[in-house]
Amino acid sequence: MLGLSRAIDWINGHIGRLAYWGVLIAVLISAGNAMVRYVFDASSNAWLEIQWYLFSAVFLLCAGYTLLRNEHVRIDVIAGRLSKRTQTWIDILGSALFLLPMAAVIGWLSWPLVADSYLRHEISGDAGGLLRWPVKILIPIGFALLGLQGLSELIKRVAFLMGLVPDPAEKRPAHAAAAVSSRSEGDPS
């Protein structure tokens, strides 16, 4: 199961780092669109929608990456005072009872919306607008990635309770997490 967890971590890690470029592209498009609007008094709804699509892609595709990096929002007023073992049990129960079912339900319920948008060739109502299904398909993909990362975190926390891995809730720099992952696979470096 730890091998599956490492594979999921690898997928979300690479997708998260790839999504960094989406932020840069969105900023460049936004700056370019603003310059064209103010200098040439011209604009395009398609360029505005591309910015929204990129923001949606970054937000949805990075949810699993955020969970992997343990950067998601927590309310530690009470849990922060509990033992590591109790905190781990809270994470296990929260993942099993809330995160995984929620990701599965939202992912499942979003597919008909994507299919309908694709079959109808849905286009934005704005002049010069873009097709809608490419952005809508990000919903089930994003929640699938989040659900997979939730499964990975569940596996790691159970393994932690069994004494097989270090505390997965500790925040580590990205390069340290990669080094721990490669050492656990038998890499001597």
Protein backbone atom coordinates (compact mmCIF):
# COMPACT_ATOMS: atom_id res chain seq x y z
CA MET A 1 0.00 0.00 0.00
CA LEU A 2 2.91 2.37 0.63
CA GLY A 3 3.97 1.85 -3.00
CA LEU A 4 0.49 2.97 -4.11
CA SER A 5 0.79 5.96 -1.78
CA ARG A 6 4.17 6.92 -3.29
CA ALA A 7 2.73 6.65 -6.81
CA ILE A 8 -0.21 8.91 -5.90
CA ASP A 9 2.18 11.37 -4.23
CA TRP A 10 4.34 11.38 -7.37
CA ILE A 11 1.34 12.08 -9.63
CA ASN A 12 -0.01 14.93 -7.48
CA GLY A 13 3.50 16.32 -6.95
CA HIS A 14 4.13 16.54 -10.68
CA ILE A 15 0.69 17.94 -11.47
CA GLY A 16 1.10 20.54 -8.72
CA ARG A 17 4.46 21.68 -10.03
CA LEU A 18 3.08 21.77 -13.57
CA ALA A 19 0.19 23.92 -12.39
CA TYR A 20 2.71 26.54 -11.22
CA TRP A 21 3.07 27.36 -14.91
CA GLY A 22 -0.69 27.93 -15.13
CA VAL A 23 -0.34 30.75 -12.62
CA LEU A 24 2.45 32.36 -14.64
CA ILE A 25 0.52 32.01 -17.90
CA ALA A 26 -2.61 33.51 -16.30
CA VAL A 27 -0.61 36.48 -15.01
CA LEU A 28 0.99 37.05 -18.43
CA ILE A 29 -2.39 36.83 -20.19
CA SER A 30 -3.92 39.20 -17.65
CA ALA A 31 -1.11 41.72 -18.05
CA GLY A 32 -1.18 41.44 -21.84
CA ASN A 33 -4.95 41.81 -21.95
CA ALA A 34 -4.81 44.89 -19.69
CA MET A 35 -2.11 46.50 -21.85
CA VAL A 36 -4.05 45.85 -25.05
CA ARG A 37 -7.22 47.23 -23.46
CA TYR A 38 -5.57 50.46 -22.24
CA VAL A 39 -3.14 51.06 -25.11
CA PHE A 40 -5.29 49.98 -28.07
CA ASP A 41 -8.75 50.29 -26.48
CA ALA A 42 -9.50 46.70 -27.51
CA SER A 43 -10.37 43.62 -25.52
CA SER A 44 -11.47 40.04 -25.93
CA ASN A 45 -13.83 37.99 -23.80
CA ALA A 46 -11.94 34.88 -24.86
CA TRP A 47 -8.77 36.17 -23.19
CA LEU A 48 -10.70 36.95 -20.01
CA GLU A 49 -12.21 33.46 -20.02
CA ILE A 50 -8.81 31.85 -20.55
CA GLN A 51 -7.69 33.58 -17.35
CA TRP A 52 -10.71 32.15 -15.49
CA TYR A 53 -10.07 28.71 -16.97
CA LEU A 54 -6.43 28.80 -15.87
CA PHE A 55 -7.42 29.91 -12.38
CA SER A 56 -9.95 27.06 -12.23
CA ALA A 57 -7.31 24.60 -13.43
CA VAL A 58 -4.79 25.73 -10.83
CA PHE A 59 -7.35 25.66 -8.03
CA LEU A 60 -8.85 22.27 -8.89
CA LEU A 61 -5.71 20.45 -9.98
CA CYS A 62 -3.71 21.67 -6.98
CA ALA A 63 -6.16 20.52 -4.29
CA GLY A 64 -4.45 17.12 -4.10
CA TYR A 65 -1.01 18.77 -4.23
CA THR A 66 -2.00 21.03 -1.34
CA LEU A 67 -3.07 18.01 0.70
CA LEU A 68 0.19 16.25 -0.19
CA ARG A 69 2.21 19.22 1.08
CA ASN A 70 0.02 19.42 4.23
CA GLU A 71 -0.78 23.03 3.34
CA HIS A 72 -4.56 22.76 3.56
CA VAL A 73 -6.53 24.77 6.11
CA ARG A 74 -6.74 23.25 9.58
CA ILE A 75 -8.35 24.44 12.75
CA ASP A 76 -5.81 23.39 15.36
CA VAL A 77 -7.27 25.17 18.37
CA ILE A 78 -8.16 21.84 19.98
CA ALA A 79 -6.33 19.26 17.86
CA GLY A 80 -3.00 21.06 18.31
CA ARG A 81 -3.14 20.28 22.02
CA LEU A 82 -3.71 16.55 21.48
CA SER A 83 -1.09 13.84 21.16
CA LYS A 84 0.38 12.98 17.73
CA ARG A 85 -1.42 9.62 17.87
CA THR A 86 -4.80 11.29 18.54
CA GLN A 87 -4.18 13.85 15.79
CA THR A 88 -3.39 11.00 13.41
CA TRP A 89 -6.64 9.25 14.34
CA ILE A 90 -8.54 12.48 13.69
CA ASP A 91 -6.91 12.67 10.23
CA ILE A 92 -7.76 9.02 9.53
CA LEU A 93 -11.41 9.42 10.54
CA GLY A 94 -11.73 12.76 8.75
CA SER A 95 -10.32 11.29 5.54
CA ALA A 96 -12.38 8.10 5.68
CA LEU A 97 -15.67 9.66 6.77
CA PHE A 98 -15.59 13.07 5.08
CA LEU A 99 -12.83 13.70 2.52
CA LEU A 100 -13.05 10.50 0.48
CA PRO A 101 -16.89 10.33 0.34
CA MET A 102 -17.12 14.05 -0.50
CA ALA A 103 -14.54 13.77 -3.30
CA ALA A 104 -16.29 10.70 -4.71
CA VAL A 105 -19.76 12.28 -4.62
CA ILE A 106 -18.69 15.57 -6.20
CA GLY A 107 -16.60 13.77 -8.82
CA TRP A 108 -19.50 11.43 -9.65
CA LEU A 109 -22.16 14.15 -9.76
CA SER A 110 -20.04 16.40 -11.98
CA TRP A 111 -19.76 13.89 -14.85
CA PRO A 112 -23.30 14.46 -16.20
CA LEU A 113 -22.59 18.20 -16.33
CA VAL A 114 -19.40 17.59 -18.29
CA ALA A 115 -21.09 15.13 -20.66
CA ASP A 116 -24.02 17.48 -21.27
CA SER A 117 -21.69 20.40 -21.92
CA TYR A 118 -19.62 18.32 -24.36
CA LEU A 119 -22.62 16.85 -26.22
CA ARG A 120 -24.32 20.25 -26.58
CA HIS A 121 -21.03 21.97 -27.54
CA GLU A 122 -21.82 24.48 -24.80
CA ILE A 123 -20.21 27.85 -25.39
CA SER A 124 -20.00 30.83 -23.07
CA GLY A 125 -22.83 33.31 -23.47
CA ASP A 126 -20.36 36.15 -23.86
CA ALA A 127 -19.41 37.39 -27.31
CA GLY A 128 -16.31 35.55 -28.44
CA GLY A 129 -16.66 33.12 -25.53
CA LEU A 130 -15.02 29.71 -25.32
CA LEU A 131 -16.25 26.15 -25.12
CA ARG A 132 -17.28 25.27 -21.57
CA TRP A 133 -16.60 21.51 -21.37
CA PRO A 134 -12.80 21.88 -21.13
CA VAL A 135 -13.15 23.83 -17.89
CA LYS A 136 -15.99 21.68 -16.59
CA ILE A 137 -13.97 18.49 -16.99
CA LEU A 138 -11.50 19.92 -14.47
CA ILE A 139 -14.09 19.35 -11.72
CA PRO A 140 -14.12 15.52 -11.81
CA ILE A 141 -10.39 15.41 -12.55
CA GLY A 142 -9.58 17.73 -9.65
CA PHE A 143 -11.76 15.82 -7.19
CA ALA A 144 -10.34 12.50 -8.41
CA LEU A 145 -6.83 13.81 -7.69
CA LEU A 146 -7.98 15.07 -4.29
CA GLY A 147 -9.62 11.73 -3.50
CA LEU A 148 -6.51 9.82 -4.55
CA GLN A 149 -4.35 12.04 -2.36
CA GLY A 150 -6.79 11.52 0.50
CA LEU A 151 -6.32 7.77 0.06
CA SER A 152 -2.55 8.24 0.04
CA GLU A 153 -2.67 10.29 3.24
CA LEU A 154 -4.89 7.66 4.84
CA ILE A 155 -2.37 4.93 3.94
CA LYS A 156 0.53 6.99 5.31
CA ARG A 157 -1.24 7.74 8.58
CA VAL A 158 -2.13 4.10 9.17
CA ALA A 159 1.49 3.20 8.38
CA PHE A 160 2.63 5.87 10.86
CA LEU A 161 0.48 4.35 13.60
CA MET A 162 2.03 0.98 12.78
CA GLY A 163 5.52 2.49 13.10
CA LEU A 164 6.41 1.96 9.42
CA VAL A 165 6.94 5.58 8.34
CA PRO A 166 7.77 8.94 9.95
CA ASP A 167 4.95 11.34 10.79
CA PRO A 168 3.36 12.27 7.44
CA ALA A 169 1.74 15.37 8.96
CA GLU A 170 5.12 17.05 9.49
CA LYS A 171 5.68 19.83 7.00
CA ARG A 172 8.83 19.24 5.00
CA PRO A 173 10.26 21.15 2.05
CA ALA A 174 9.37 19.60 -1.31
CA HIS A 175 12.94 18.42 -1.92
CA ALA A 176 13.05 16.72 1.51
CA ALA A 177 9.78 14.92 0.82
CA ALA A 178 11.17 13.64 -2.48
CA ALA A 179 14.34 12.47 -0.75
CA VAL A 180 12.38 10.60 1.93
CA SER A 181 10.24 9.00 -0.79
CA SER A 182 13.26 7.85 -2.81
CA ARG A 183 15.07 6.53 0.31
CA SER A 184 11.99 4.51 1.26
CA GLU A 185 12.14 2.93 -2.20
CA GLY A 186 15.66 1.69 -1.55
CA ASP A 187 17.64 4.46 -3.24
CA PRO A 188 20.97 4.76 -1.36
CA SER A 189 21.34 8.55 -1.90
